[in-house]
Amino acid sequence: MTLPAAVITEKLSATADPEAKAIQKEARERFKAGKGIRVFSRPERLKEWCEANGVDIEARCGLITDAGRLVPEFSLAEDGVEFFVHSPFAMRQDENTVVDRNCDCLVMHATFEAAGAITKLMLTADVTHDVISDIVRVTEARGNVARLEWDIFKLPHHCSYLSLSDERGVDKTKPVLANDIRGIERVAAVFEASDRDYPEVLALRNDFPLVLHLNQREREFPRSLCLYDRVWAEVRVTWTAPAFLERVRWWLAGTAQGSLHGDDQQLEPLLVSWGYWLVLPPNEEPKDRSWVVHLVGGERGKVFIAREATASARHRPAPCSPL
């Protein structure tokens, strides 16, 4: 018998469906007996019920599977199938607060192997779109992106609009986006006369969201879109106006869907490069030595070379001051 912990802990009304009452009674008896049941939830949800019913929860931990784990009764190698639990799950609101989500729905990712072929199935029960979004965020944060892949997807919530959005469309329902990017966004493209840097694209909406892949600027607004992961000297060689417009559209679409940052892409740097390069002699440490920094140029004059100062040069100011 497999079920969410809410089936055990929920207080059913006197008018509840007789079948629901029968299932709850059987689940409680099996959990008390410590056999014939698998419960999915955070163990904390059961503590109060166990204390009230004289059940030792520590002795029942082997019956409980939290989200983010495999169901222990099945093995892909031995049984040809394994089940990864997505929900019920909990989300950490802050350092001290953990909130359980969707305690009455069981969402699993099943992987089958037959005749050497792997098939992945997503079983989504009655979850709504907001829970699906949370599942994606939690799973990605835990490094389990492969558990979001599927060949067969069972549409949740009886295929209703609630699996996509809170608002029902007239002819079709538009899914809720990962980020608040509008169908029409006003942007401005700023070009340098010297052509030394990328054209900067600014989002003109005052409440444009704070998302990944934005350039840091002295002022927060308007936000600056980070369109490229290559230096301008490389991009400029093949840059065209149509490709530039498509790049902007691609950035907006990917940000709206939450797919702009690839699964195999490194994290954005915590500290942004200053833009200056300092070249030190090989196998040398500047400790307890005097050094002179020389400007040697570069596209913008940002390359400097450090050399050990001679006796006569130690008392002269360095030929450049930016460092």
C-alpha atoms as a PDB file:
ATOM      1  CA  MET A   1       0.000   0.000   0.000  1.00  0.00           C
ATOM      2  CA  THR A   2       1.571   3.309  -1.109  1.00  0.00           C
ATOM      3  CA  LEU A   3       0.165   6.706  -0.172  1.00  0.00           C
ATOM      4  CA  PRO A   4       0.961  10.242   1.032  1.00  0.00           C
ATOM      5  CA  ALA A   5       1.129  10.777   4.786  1.00  0.00           C
ATOM      6  CA  ALA A   6      -1.965  13.005   4.598  1.00  0.00           C
ATOM      7  CA  VAL A   7      -4.099   9.893   4.072  1.00  0.00           C
ATOM      8  CA  ILE A   8      -3.117   8.840   7.586  1.00  0.00           C
ATOM      9  CA  THR A   9      -3.104  12.222   9.325  1.00  0.00           C
ATOM     10  CA  GLU A  10      -6.142  13.894   7.711  1.00  0.00           C
ATOM     11  CA  LYS A  11      -9.279  14.251   9.840  1.00  0.00           C
ATOM     12  CA  LEU A  12     -12.159  13.043   7.709  1.00  0.00           C
ATOM     13  CA  SER A  13     -15.622  14.485   8.246  1.00  0.00           C
ATOM     14  CA  ALA A  14     -18.611  12.366   9.144  1.00  0.00           C
ATOM     15  CA  THR A  15     -19.931  12.798   5.613  1.00  0.00           C
ATOM     16  CA  ALA A  16     -16.680  11.737   3.924  1.00  0.00           C
ATOM     17  CA  ASP A  17     -16.796   9.121   1.191  1.00  0.00           C
ATOM     18  CA  PRO A  18     -17.005   5.591   2.699  1.00  0.00           C
ATOM     19  CA  GLU A  19     -14.217   4.415   0.411  1.00  0.00           C
ATOM     20  CA  ALA A  20     -11.915   7.166   1.699  1.00  0.00           C
ATOM     21  CA  LYS A  21     -12.689   6.140   5.267  1.00  0.00           C
ATOM     22  CA  ALA A  22     -11.917   2.502   4.475  1.00  0.00           C
ATOM     23  CA  ILE A  23      -8.584   3.398   2.852  1.00  0.00           C
ATOM     24  CA  GLN A  24      -7.599   5.591   5.796  1.00  0.00           C
ATOM     25  CA  LYS A  25      -8.486   2.886   8.323  1.00  0.00           C
ATOM     26  CA  GLU A  26      -6.434   0.277   6.467  1.00  0.00           C
ATOM     27  CA  ALA A  27      -3.492   2.674   6.100  1.00  0.00           C
ATOM     28  CA  ARG A  28      -3.493   3.528   9.792  1.00  0.00           C
ATOM     29  CA  GLU A  29      -3.620  -0.122  10.844  1.00  0.00           C
ATOM     30  CA  ARG A  30      -0.737  -1.030   8.561  1.00  0.00           C
ATOM     31  CA  PHE A  31       1.367   1.914   9.726  1.00  0.00           C
ATOM     32  CA  LYS A  32       0.733   0.982  13.364  1.00  0.00           C
ATOM     33  CA  ALA A  33       1.681  -2.614  12.600  1.00  0.00           C
ATOM     34  CA  GLY A  34       4.807  -1.441  10.792  1.00  0.00           C
ATOM     35  CA  LYS A  35       4.367  -3.486   7.633  1.00  0.00           C
ATOM     36  CA  GLY A  36       2.643  -3.587   4.250  1.00  0.00           C
ATOM     37  CA  ILE A  37       2.782   0.161   3.626  1.00  0.00           C
ATOM     38  CA  ARG A  38       4.995   2.855   2.115  1.00  0.00           C
ATOM     39  CA  VAL A  39       4.341   6.458   3.220  1.00  0.00           C
ATOM     40  CA  PHE A  40       5.585   9.448   1.254  1.00  0.00           C
ATOM     41  CA  SER A  41       6.189  12.671   3.120  1.00  0.00           C
ATOM     42  CA  ARG A  42       8.548  14.442   5.462  1.00  0.00           C
ATOM     43  CA  PRO A  43       8.608  12.440   8.725  1.00  0.00           C
ATOM     44  CA  GLU A  44       7.748  15.604  10.701  1.00  0.00           C
ATOM     45  CA  ARG A  45       4.208  15.527   9.337  1.00  0.00           C
ATOM     46  CA  LEU A  46       3.508  12.264  11.122  1.00  0.00           C
ATOM     47  CA  LYS A  47       4.994  13.076  14.510  1.00  0.00           C
ATOM     48  CA  GLU A  48       1.906  14.659  16.017  1.00  0.00           C
ATOM     49  CA  TRP A  49      -0.373  11.851  14.816  1.00  0.00           C
ATOM     50  CA  CYS A  50       2.049   9.193  16.076  1.00  0.00           C
ATOM     51  CA  GLU A  51       2.310  10.829  19.494  1.00  0.00           C
ATOM     52  CA  ALA A  52      -1.478  10.976  19.769  1.00  0.00           C
ATOM     53  CA  ASN A  53      -1.840   7.327  18.787  1.00  0.00           C
ATOM     54  CA  GLY A  54       1.035   5.798  20.734  1.00  0.00           C
ATOM     55  CA  VAL A  55       3.123   4.981  17.657  1.00  0.00           C
ATOM     56  CA  ASP A  56       6.923   5.117  17.762  1.00  0.00           C
ATOM     57  CA  ILE A  57       7.789   7.101  14.635  1.00  0.00           C
ATOM     58  CA  GLU A  58      11.481   6.316  14.967  1.00  0.00           C
ATOM     59  CA  ALA A  59      10.655   2.654  14.560  1.00  0.00           C
ATOM     60  CA  ARG A  60       8.633   3.475  11.425  1.00  0.00           C
ATOM     61  CA  CYS A  61      11.300   5.512   9.586  1.00  0.00           C
ATOM     62  CA  GLY A  62      11.942   2.589   7.273  1.00  0.00           C
ATOM     63  CA  LEU A  63       8.372   2.934   6.002  1.00  0.00           C
ATOM     64  CA  ILE A  64       8.725   6.627   5.103  1.00  0.00           C
ATOM     65  CA  THR A  65      10.258   7.984   1.885  1.00  0.00           C
ATOM     66  CA  ASP A  66      10.897  11.690   1.495  1.00  0.00           C
ATOM     67  CA  ALA A  67      10.882  13.537  -1.808  1.00  0.00           C
ATOM     68  CA  GLY A  68      14.121  13.385  -3.743  1.00  0.00           C
ATOM     69  CA  ARG A  69      14.642   9.681  -3.047  1.00  0.00           C
ATOM     70  CA  LEU A  70      13.972   6.392  -4.797  1.00  0.00           C
ATOM     71  CA  VAL A  71      11.256   4.034  -3.632  1.00  0.00           C
ATOM     72  CA  PRO A  72      13.302   1.246  -1.986  1.00  0.00           C
ATOM     73  CA  GLU A  73      10.996  -1.620  -3.000  1.00  0.00           C
ATOM     74  CA  PHE A  74      11.955  -1.316  -6.692  1.00  0.00           C
ATOM     75  CA  SER A  75      15.293  -1.516  -8.495  1.00  0.00           C
ATOM     76  CA  LEU A  76      15.976  -0.741 -12.152  1.00  0.00           C
ATOM     77  CA  ALA A  77      18.665  -3.412 -12.281  1.00  0.00           C
ATOM     78  CA  GLU A  78      16.583  -6.179 -10.689  1.00  0.00           C
ATOM     79  CA  ASP A  79      12.971  -5.208 -11.402  1.00  0.00           C
ATOM     80  CA  GLY A  80      13.351  -3.243 -14.621  1.00  0.00           C
ATOM     81  CA  VAL A  81      11.760  -0.164 -13.039  1.00  0.00           C
ATOM     82  CA  GLU A  82      12.551   2.471 -10.430  1.00  0.00           C
ATOM     83  CA  PHE A  83      10.450   5.278  -8.960  1.00  0.00           C
ATOM     84  CA  PHE A  84      11.848   8.669  -7.965  1.00  0.00           C
ATOM     85  CA  VAL A  85       9.642  10.693  -5.601  1.00  0.00           C
ATOM     86  CA  HIS A  86       8.972  14.347  -6.494  1.00  0.00           C
ATOM     87  CA  SER A  87       6.050  15.071  -4.185  1.00  0.00           C
ATOM     88  CA  PRO A  88       4.981  15.439  -1.384  1.00  0.00           C
ATOM     89  CA  PHE A  89       7.920  17.736  -0.737  1.00  0.00           C
ATOM     90  CA  ALA A  90       8.938  20.685   1.354  1.00  0.00           C
ATOM     91  CA  MET A  91      10.345  24.069   0.438  1.00  0.00           C
ATOM     92  CA  ARG A  92      12.704  26.113   2.573  1.00  0.00           C
ATOM     93  CA  GLN A  93      11.363  29.649   2.898  1.00  0.00           C
ATOM     94  CA  ASP A  94      14.353  30.792   4.920  1.00  0.00           C
ATOM     95  CA  GLU A  95      17.076  29.380   7.145  1.00  0.00           C
ATOM     96  CA  ASN A  96      14.639  28.254   9.817  1.00  0.00           C
ATOM     97  CA  THR A  97      11.293  27.766   8.079  1.00  0.00           C
ATOM     98  CA  VAL A  98      10.415  24.680   6.037  1.00  0.00           C
ATOM     99  CA  VAL A  99       6.925  24.484   4.551  1.00  0.00           C
ATOM    100  CA  ASP A 100       5.331  21.264   3.313  1.00  0.00           C
ATOM    101  CA  ARG A 101       3.716  21.527  -0.109  1.00  0.00           C
ATOM    102  CA  ASN A 102       0.868  19.609  -1.672  1.00  0.00           C
ATOM    103  CA  CYS A 103       0.690  16.949   1.022  1.00  0.00           C
ATOM    104  CA  ASP A 104      -2.108  14.966  -0.628  1.00  0.00           C
ATOM    105  CA  CYS A 105      -0.589  14.387  -4.088  1.00  0.00           C
ATOM    106  CA  LEU A 106       1.987  11.781  -5.002  1.00  0.00           C
ATOM    107  CA  VAL A 107       4.174  12.733  -7.979  1.00  0.00           C
ATOM    108  CA  MET A 108       6.748  10.261  -9.239  1.00  0.00           C
ATOM    109  CA  HIS A 109       9.237   9.874 -12.047  1.00  0.00           C
ATOM    110  CA  ALA A 110       9.363   6.271 -13.260  1.00  0.00           C
ATOM    111  CA  THR A 111      12.191   4.790 -15.309  1.00  0.00           C
ATOM    112  CA  PHE A 112      11.547   1.510 -17.135  1.00  0.00           C
ATOM    113  CA  GLU A 113      14.047  -0.725 -18.899  1.00  0.00           C
ATOM    114  CA  ALA A 114      12.787  -3.310 -21.404  1.00  0.00           C
ATOM    115  CA  ALA A 115      14.751  -5.020 -24.156  1.00  0.00           C
ATOM    116  CA  GLY A 116      17.617  -2.634 -23.528  1.00  0.00           C
ATOM    117  CA  ALA A 117      15.475   0.466 -24.060  1.00  0.00           C
ATOM    118  CA  ILE A 118      14.943   3.092 -21.343  1.00  0.00           C
ATOM    119  CA  THR A 119      11.536   4.792 -21.075  1.00  0.00           C
ATOM    120  CA  LYS A 120      10.818   7.616 -18.653  1.00  0.00           C
ATOM    121  CA  LEU A 121       7.328   8.349 -17.363  1.00  0.00           C
ATOM    122  CA  MET A 122       6.152  11.332 -15.328  1.00  0.00           C
ATOM    123  CA  LEU A 123       3.193  10.554 -13.037  1.00  0.00           C
ATOM    124  CA  THR A 124       1.759  13.873 -11.892  1.00  0.00           C
ATOM    125  CA  ALA A 125      -1.448  13.016  -9.994  1.00  0.00           C
ATOM    126  CA  ASP A 126      -3.609  16.101  -9.316  1.00  0.00           C
ATOM    127  CA  VAL A 127      -0.919  18.723  -8.834  1.00  0.00           C
ATOM    128  CA  THR A 128      -1.521  22.234 -10.132  1.00  0.00           C
ATOM    129  CA  HIS A 129       0.824  24.400 -12.172  1.00  0.00           C
ATOM    130  CA  ASP A 130       2.377  26.162  -9.165  1.00  0.00           C
ATOM    131  CA  VAL A 131       3.391  22.868  -7.583  1.00  0.00           C
ATOM    132  CA  ILE A 132       4.864  21.688 -10.897  1.00  0.00           C
ATOM    133  CA  SER A 133       6.925  24.884 -11.047  1.00  0.00           C
ATOM    134  CA  ASP A 134       8.122  24.300  -7.490  1.00  0.00           C
ATOM    135  CA  ILE A 135       9.026  20.701  -8.313  1.00  0.00           C
ATOM    136  CA  VAL A 136      11.141  21.900 -11.229  1.00  0.00           C
ATOM    137  CA  ARG A 137      12.942  24.509  -9.102  1.00  0.00           C
ATOM    138  CA  VAL A 138      13.594  22.121  -6.200  1.00  0.00           C
ATOM    139  CA  THR A 139      14.752  19.314  -8.499  1.00  0.00           C
ATOM    140  CA  GLU A 140      17.135  21.584 -10.411  1.00  0.00           C
ATOM    141  CA  ALA A 141      18.508  23.029  -7.172  1.00  0.00           C
ATOM    142  CA  ARG A 142      19.235  19.505  -5.921  1.00  0.00           C
ATOM    143  CA  GLY A 143      21.068  18.555  -9.101  1.00  0.00           C
ATOM    144  CA  ASN A 144      18.469  15.987 -10.200  1.00  0.00           C
ATOM    145  CA  VAL A 145      17.682  17.492 -13.602  1.00  0.00           C
ATOM    146  CA  ALA A 146      17.606  14.027 -15.215  1.00  0.00           C
ATOM    147  CA  ARG A 147      14.537  13.271 -13.076  1.00  0.00           C
ATOM    148  CA  LEU A 148      12.617  15.920 -15.020  1.00  0.00           C
ATOM    149  CA  GLU A 149      13.153  14.189 -18.360  1.00  0.00           C
ATOM    150  CA  TRP A 150      10.258  12.174 -19.752  1.00  0.00           C
ATOM    151  CA  ASP A 151       9.102  10.191 -22.768  1.00  0.00           C
ATOM    152  CA  ILE A 152       5.532   9.911 -21.485  1.00  0.00           C
ATOM    153  CA  PHE A 153       3.870  12.628 -19.429  1.00  0.00           C
ATOM    154  CA  LYS A 154       0.614  11.985 -17.605  1.00  0.00           C
ATOM    155  CA  LEU A 155      -1.215  15.333 -17.672  1.00  0.00           C
ATOM    156  CA  PRO A 156      -2.093  16.429 -14.129  1.00  0.00           C
ATOM    157  CA  HIS A 157      -5.310  17.614 -12.578  1.00  0.00           C
ATOM    158  CA  HIS A 158      -7.580  15.685 -14.959  1.00  0.00           C
ATOM    159  CA  CYS A 159      -6.096  17.659 -17.879  1.00  0.00           C
ATOM    160  CA  SER A 160      -7.785  20.805 -16.584  1.00  0.00           C
ATOM    161  CA  TYR A 161      -6.562  24.379 -17.058  1.00  0.00           C
ATOM    162  CA  LEU A 162      -5.253  24.370 -13.468  1.00  0.00           C
ATOM    163  CA  SER A 163      -2.295  22.319 -14.635  1.00  0.00           C
ATOM    164  CA  LEU A 164      -1.220  25.355 -16.690  1.00  0.00           C
ATOM    165  CA  SER A 165      -2.570  28.466 -15.013  1.00  0.00           C
ATOM    166  CA  ASP A 166      -5.022  29.910 -12.491  1.00  0.00           C
ATOM    167  CA  GLU A 167      -6.879  31.604 -15.347  1.00  0.00           C
ATOM    168  CA  ARG A 168      -8.895  29.602 -17.829  1.00  0.00           C
ATOM    169  CA  GLY A 169      -8.620  30.697 -21.439  1.00  0.00           C
ATOM    170  CA  VAL A 170     -11.597  30.992 -23.763  1.00  0.00           C
ATOM    171  CA  ASP A 171     -10.211  28.725 -26.474  1.00  0.00           C
ATOM    172  CA  LYS A 172      -6.986  27.634 -24.834  1.00  0.00           C
ATOM    173  CA  THR A 173      -5.173  28.290 -21.573  1.00  0.00           C
ATOM    174  CA  LYS A 174      -1.807  30.015 -21.667  1.00  0.00           C
ATOM    175  CA  PRO A 175       0.710  28.438 -19.284  1.00  0.00           C
ATOM    176  CA  VAL A 176       2.165  30.488 -16.456  1.00  0.00           C
ATOM    177  CA  LEU A 177       5.678  31.612 -17.329  1.00  0.00           C
ATOM    178  CA  ALA A 178       8.720  31.119 -15.141  1.00  0.00           C
ATOM    179  CA  ASN A 179       9.435  34.868 -15.248  1.00  0.00           C
ATOM    180  CA  ASP A 180       7.258  37.894 -15.907  1.00  0.00           C
ATOM    181  CA  ILE A 181       8.310  38.592 -19.490  1.00  0.00           C
ATOM    182  CA  ARG A 182       5.480  40.134 -21.512  1.00  0.00           C
ATOM    183  CA  GLY A 183       4.425  39.283 -25.033  1.00  0.00           C
ATOM    184  CA  ILE A 184       5.472  42.797 -26.024  1.00  0.00           C
ATOM    185  CA  GLU A 185       8.483  44.357 -24.293  1.00  0.00           C
ATOM    186  CA  ARG A 186       9.834  47.824 -25.054  1.00  0.00           C
ATOM    187  CA  VAL A 187      13.626  47.820 -25.292  1.00  0.00           C
ATOM    188  CA  ALA A 188      16.292  50.279 -26.360  1.00  0.00           C
ATOM    189  CA  ALA A 189      19.516  49.403 -28.168  1.00  0.00           C
ATOM    190  CA  VAL A 190      22.477  51.687 -27.409  1.00  0.00           C
ATOM    191  CA  PHE A 191      25.418  51.645 -29.857  1.00  0.00           C
ATOM    192  CA  GLU A 192      28.878  53.039 -29.161  1.00  0.00           C
ATOM    193  CA  ALA A 193      30.208  55.317 -31.883  1.00  0.00           C
ATOM    194  CA  SER A 194      33.655  53.761 -31.447  1.00  0.00           C
ATOM    195  CA  ASP A 195      32.253  50.222 -31.888  1.00  0.00           C
ATOM    196  CA  ARG A 196      34.429  49.056 -29.019  1.00  0.00           C
ATOM    197  CA  ASP A 197      31.725  47.164 -27.185  1.00  0.00           C
ATOM    198  CA  TYR A 198      28.474  45.308 -27.625  1.00  0.00           C
ATOM    199  CA  PRO A 199      25.302  47.229 -28.410  1.00  0.00           C
ATOM    200  CA  GLU A 200      23.611  47.450 -25.018  1.00  0.00           C
ATOM    201  CA  VAL A 201      19.969  46.383 -24.852  1.00  0.00           C
ATOM    202  CA  LEU A 202      17.935  48.042 -22.089  1.00  0.00           C
ATOM    203  CA  ALA A 203      14.525  46.831 -20.917  1.00  0.00           C
ATOM    204  CA  LEU A 204      12.389  49.958 -20.563  1.00  0.00           C
ATOM    205  CA  ARG A 205       9.647  48.539 -18.356  1.00  0.00           C
ATOM    206  CA  ASN A 206       9.952  50.009 -14.842  1.00  0.00           C
ATOM    207  CA  ASP A 207       9.073  46.687 -13.181  1.00  0.00           C
ATOM    208  CA  PHE A 208      11.150  44.432 -15.436  1.00  0.00           C
ATOM    209  CA  PRO A 209      12.018  41.413 -13.254  1.00  0.00           C
ATOM    210  CA  LEU A 210      15.415  40.709 -11.712  1.00  0.00           C
ATOM    211  CA  VAL A 211      16.455  37.545 -13.550  1.00  0.00           C
ATOM    212  CA  LEU A 212      19.583  35.704 -14.616  1.00  0.00           C
ATOM    213  CA  HIS A 213      21.858  37.058 -17.328  1.00  0.00           C
ATOM    214  CA  LEU A 214      21.611  40.773 -16.680  1.00  0.00           C
ATOM    215  CA  ASN A 215      24.586  43.113 -16.910  1.00  0.00           C
ATOM    216  CA  GLN A 216      25.622  44.969 -13.796  1.00  0.00           C
ATOM    217  CA  ARG A 217      25.224  48.725 -14.053  1.00  0.00           C
ATOM    218  CA  GLU A 218      25.614  51.688 -11.729  1.00  0.00           C
ATOM    219  CA  ARG A 219      21.828  52.015 -11.617  1.00  0.00           C
ATOM    220  CA  GLU A 220      19.363  49.152 -11.309  1.00  0.00           C
ATOM    221  CA  PHE A 221      16.979  50.475 -13.954  1.00  0.00           C
ATOM    222  CA  PRO A 222      16.713  50.225 -16.832  1.00  0.00           C
ATOM    223  CA  ARG A 223      17.962  46.648 -16.659  1.00  0.00           C
ATOM    224  CA  SER A 224      20.615  45.657 -19.184  1.00  0.00           C
ATOM    225  CA  LEU A 225      20.237  42.323 -21.005  1.00  0.00           C
ATOM    226  CA  CYS A 226      23.332  40.121 -21.195  1.00  0.00           C
ATOM    227  CA  LEU A 227      23.018  38.666 -24.685  1.00  0.00           C
ATOM    228  CA  TYR A 228      26.394  37.079 -25.340  1.00  0.00           C
ATOM    229  CA  ASP A 229      28.887  34.857 -23.545  1.00  0.00           C
ATOM    230  CA  ARG A 230      31.738  35.748 -25.920  1.00  0.00           C
ATOM    231  CA  VAL A 231      33.873  38.855 -26.150  1.00  0.00           C
ATOM    232  CA  TRP A 232      32.761  41.551 -28.563  1.00  0.00           C
ATOM    233  CA  ALA A 233      35.840  41.072 -30.752  1.00  0.00           C
ATOM    234  CA  GLU A 234      34.543  37.600 -31.622  1.00  0.00           C
ATOM    235  CA  VAL A 235      30.861  38.514 -31.876  1.00  0.00           C
ATOM    236  CA  ARG A 236      31.545  41.541 -34.084  1.00  0.00           C
ATOM    237  CA  VAL A 237      32.971  39.407 -36.900  1.00  0.00           C
ATOM    238  CA  THR A 238      29.582  37.845 -37.721  1.00  0.00           C
ATOM    239  CA  TRP A 239      27.250  40.463 -36.182  1.00  0.00           C
ATOM    240  CA  THR A 240      24.242  41.501 -38.278  1.00  0.00           C
ATOM    241  CA  ALA A 241      21.149  43.519 -37.414  1.00  0.00           C
ATOM    242  CA  PRO A 242      18.677  40.648 -38.093  1.00  0.00           C
ATOM    243  CA  ALA A 243      20.767  38.227 -35.997  1.00  0.00           C
ATOM    244  CA  PHE A 244      20.926  40.851 -33.241  1.00  0.00           C
ATOM    245  CA  LEU A 245      17.140  41.228 -33.149  1.00  0.00           C
ATOM    246  CA  GLU A 246      16.737  37.443 -33.085  1.00  0.00           C
ATOM    247  CA  ARG A 247      19.207  37.289 -30.196  1.00  0.00           C
ATOM    248  CA  VAL A 248      17.063  39.731 -28.217  1.00  0.00           C
ATOM    249  CA  ARG A 249      13.936  37.706 -28.985  1.00  0.00           C
ATOM    250  CA  TRP A 250      15.760  34.492 -27.990  1.00  0.00           C
ATOM    251  CA  TRP A 251      16.838  36.053 -24.686  1.00  0.00           C
ATOM    252  CA  LEU A 252      13.322  37.204 -23.841  1.00  0.00           C
ATOM    253  CA  ALA A 253      11.727  33.846 -24.769  1.00  0.00           C
ATOM    254  CA  GLY A 254      14.297  31.814 -22.848  1.00  0.00           C
ATOM    255  CA  THR A 255      14.000  34.030 -19.783  1.00  0.00           C
ATOM    256  CA  ALA A 256      10.199  33.803 -19.835  1.00  0.00           C
ATOM    257  CA  GLN A 257      10.375  30.008 -19.925  1.00  0.00           C
ATOM    258  CA  GLY A 258      13.213  29.751 -17.413  1.00  0.00           C
ATOM    259  CA  SER A 259      15.362  27.885 -19.942  1.00  0.00           C
ATOM    260  CA  LEU A 260      17.940  30.539 -20.843  1.00  0.00           C
ATOM    261  CA  HIS A 261      20.571  29.167 -18.468  1.00  0.00           C
ATOM    262  CA  GLY A 262      21.531  25.732 -19.804  1.00  0.00           C
ATOM    263  CA  ASP A 263      21.820  22.690 -17.552  1.00  0.00           C
ATOM    264  CA  ASP A 264      25.489  22.294 -18.516  1.00  0.00           C
ATOM    265  CA  GLN A 265      26.281  26.001 -18.214  1.00  0.00           C
ATOM    266  CA  GLN A 266      28.524  27.233 -15.436  1.00  0.00           C
ATOM    267  CA  LEU A 267      27.185  29.567 -12.786  1.00  0.00           C
ATOM    268  CA  GLU A 268      27.354  33.279 -13.331  1.00  0.00           C
ATOM    269  CA  PRO A 269      30.447  34.763 -11.637  1.00  0.00           C
ATOM    270  CA  LEU A 270      29.954  36.208  -8.173  1.00  0.00           C
ATOM    271  CA  LEU A 271      32.524  38.927  -8.872  1.00  0.00           C
ATOM    272  CA  VAL A 272      32.603  40.649 -12.236  1.00  0.00           C
ATOM    273  CA  SER A 273      35.995  41.100 -13.931  1.00  0.00           C
ATOM    274  CA  TRP A 274      37.462  44.565 -13.581  1.00  0.00           C
ATOM    275  CA  GLY A 275      38.571  44.444 -17.200  1.00  0.00           C
ATOM    276  CA  TYR A 276      42.301  44.939 -16.503  1.00  0.00           C
ATOM    277  CA  TRP A 277      44.931  42.250 -16.968  1.00  0.00           C
ATOM    278  CA  LEU A 278      48.067  42.109 -14.829  1.00  0.00           C
ATOM    279  CA  VAL A 279      50.798  39.767 -16.112  1.00  0.00           C
ATOM    280  CA  LEU A 280      53.282  38.506 -13.504  1.00  0.00           C
ATOM    281  CA  PRO A 281      56.613  36.807 -14.262  1.00  0.00           C
ATOM    282  CA  PRO A 282      56.388  32.986 -14.187  1.00  0.00           C
ATOM    283  CA  ASN A 283      57.115  31.247 -10.901  1.00  0.00           C
ATOM    284  CA  GLU A 284      57.673  34.526  -9.135  1.00  0.00           C
ATOM    285  CA  GLU A 285      55.989  35.855  -6.027  1.00  0.00           C
ATOM    286  CA  PRO A 286      55.893  39.603  -5.422  1.00  0.00           C
ATOM    287  CA  LYS A 287      56.280  39.189  -1.661  1.00  0.00           C
ATOM    288  CA  ASP A 288      58.978  41.349  -0.092  1.00  0.00           C
ATOM    289  CA  ARG A 289      59.973  42.757  -3.467  1.00  0.00           C
ATOM    290  CA  SER A 290      59.563  46.051  -5.245  1.00  0.00           C
ATOM    291  CA  TRP A 291      57.675  45.979  -8.508  1.00  0.00           C
ATOM    292  CA  VAL A 292      57.107  48.343 -11.400  1.00  0.00           C
ATOM    293  CA  VAL A 293      53.939  47.987 -13.478  1.00  0.00           C
ATOM    294  CA  HIS A 294      54.213  48.838 -17.165  1.00  0.00           C
ATOM    295  CA  LEU A 295      51.342  49.579 -19.497  1.00  0.00           C
ATOM    296  CA  VAL A 296      51.809  47.597 -22.701  1.00  0.00           C
ATOM    297  CA  GLY A 297      48.528  48.295 -24.448  1.00  0.00           C
ATOM    298  CA  GLY A 298      45.804  46.009 -25.680  1.00  0.00           C
ATOM    299  CA  GLU A 299      42.544  46.813 -27.420  1.00  0.00           C
ATOM    300  CA  ARG A 300      41.698  49.338 -24.718  1.00  0.00           C
ATOM    301  CA  GLY A 301      45.060  49.729 -23.052  1.00  0.00           C
ATOM    302  CA  LYS A 302      44.143  47.382 -20.221  1.00  0.00           C
ATOM    303  CA  VAL A 303      47.136  45.021 -20.225  1.00  0.00           C
ATOM    304  CA  PHE A 304      49.893  45.617 -17.668  1.00  0.00           C
ATOM    305  CA  ILE A 305      53.134  43.727 -17.040  1.00  0.00           C
ATOM    306  CA  ALA A 306      54.833  43.657 -13.635  1.00  0.00           C
ATOM    307  CA  ARG A 307      58.604  43.517 -13.499  1.00  0.00           C
ATOM    308  CA  GLU A 308      60.919  43.567 -10.518  1.00  0.00           C
ATOM    309  CA  ALA A 309      62.148  47.093 -10.008  1.00  0.00           C
ATOM    310  CA  THR A 310      65.825  47.936 -10.327  1.00  0.00           C
ATOM    311  CA  ALA A 311      67.572  49.861  -7.583  1.00  0.00           C
ATOM    312  CA  SER A 312      67.244  53.110  -9.506  1.00  0.00           C
ATOM    313  CA  ALA A 313      63.574  52.552 -10.314  1.00  0.00           C
ATOM    314  CA  ARG A 314      62.407  51.660  -6.830  1.00  0.00           C
ATOM    315  CA  HIS A 315      62.065  55.282  -5.826  1.00  0.00           C
ATOM    316  CA  ARG A 316      60.344  56.402  -9.010  1.00  0.00           C
ATOM    317  CA  PRO A 317      56.522  56.304  -9.308  1.00  0.00           C
ATOM    318  CA  ALA A 318      55.041  53.545 -11.392  1.00  0.00           C
ATOM    319  CA  PRO A 319      54.453  54.620 -15.004  1.00  0.00           C
ATOM    320  CA  CYS A 320      50.732  53.973 -14.653  1.00  0.00           C
ATOM    321  CA  SER A 321      48.292  54.380 -11.796  1.00  0.00           C
ATOM    322  CA  PRO A 322      45.040  52.412 -12.479  1.00  0.00           C
ATOM    323  CA  LEU A 323      46.286  49.457 -10.406  1.00  0.00           C
END
